[in-house]
């Protein structure tokens, strides 16, 4: 009996393993599908990026915007511009407006894609409301920023040689997870700065070059607010920053983040943060993190800066 038992066990164990794998694939198939679409651009799925490419191309493409709302969602949702023409590799800021027409707070979620589908792998979003469950209060109206760029490699793809227009389409649906929503009021001009969101943005967009407590490719960023531009121990600044003669106030930091090379000609930092709410939250985080860093180290000078 024992040999037969072992034989049966040898047959059953692989079957259980295979069944486990199959159940796992079924359970995670939506996530796997989304990961596959994100990696390949399948079905016009756009890419997510945290900065634009280092150089824009002379070639241009028109990006058109299409907006839709599910029948059970009492919102008005439309782009402020129906289309824009952008250089390949150029970071572009556009706005879409959402308005809650009802007397109750409602959470929505935007699905999106681009056409033709062959352009999805080259269409990169840096900032978009579509990454979250979004709540609008009764009769609230908000302008929502979208920051994107089209990878210059788009022009080298034979499938896109005759494509001169990419259409970015959104559809807002009622959210299936309203308890995990963010309030769209964060995009209002008078919204309070959010250092928690700023920390998230810092981790996504800044840590490749910067840290709060040390120099990296860029200078240390702890204590930048209130510090003289072009000064951080051990960092070799560009001549433009060394001779800028300014103090990093919140207003100066806002202008710097919006377009460093325009604000201080000759500066080396290539990264821009086009949408004002993100700049506001980043600066709030730098203020908070800088103070905490100074409290920990009991350092006298302010150190760091989002500049180089």
Foldseek 3Di string as FASTA:
>chain_A
DVVVVVVVVVVVVVVVVVVVVVVVCVVCVVVVVVVVCQQQLPPQAAHEAAFFDLDFDPDKAKEAEAEAEDPVAQKDKAWPDRIDIDTARDKDKGKMKIWRADQAKFKKAKDKGKPPSNQRHFKYWNDDPNVFTEIEGHGDMAITMIIIHGHPCLCVDPVCVPHRYMYMYMYIYGDPCVVRGDYRCLRPPPHAAALVVLVVSCVRHPPVQEECPAHGVHWHLQQQAQAQFPDAPPDDFWPQRVPVGDGRHLVLQQVCQQPVCVSGPPWDDRGHDNRNSNSRNNVVNNVVRNVVVCVVVVDDHGHRDPTD
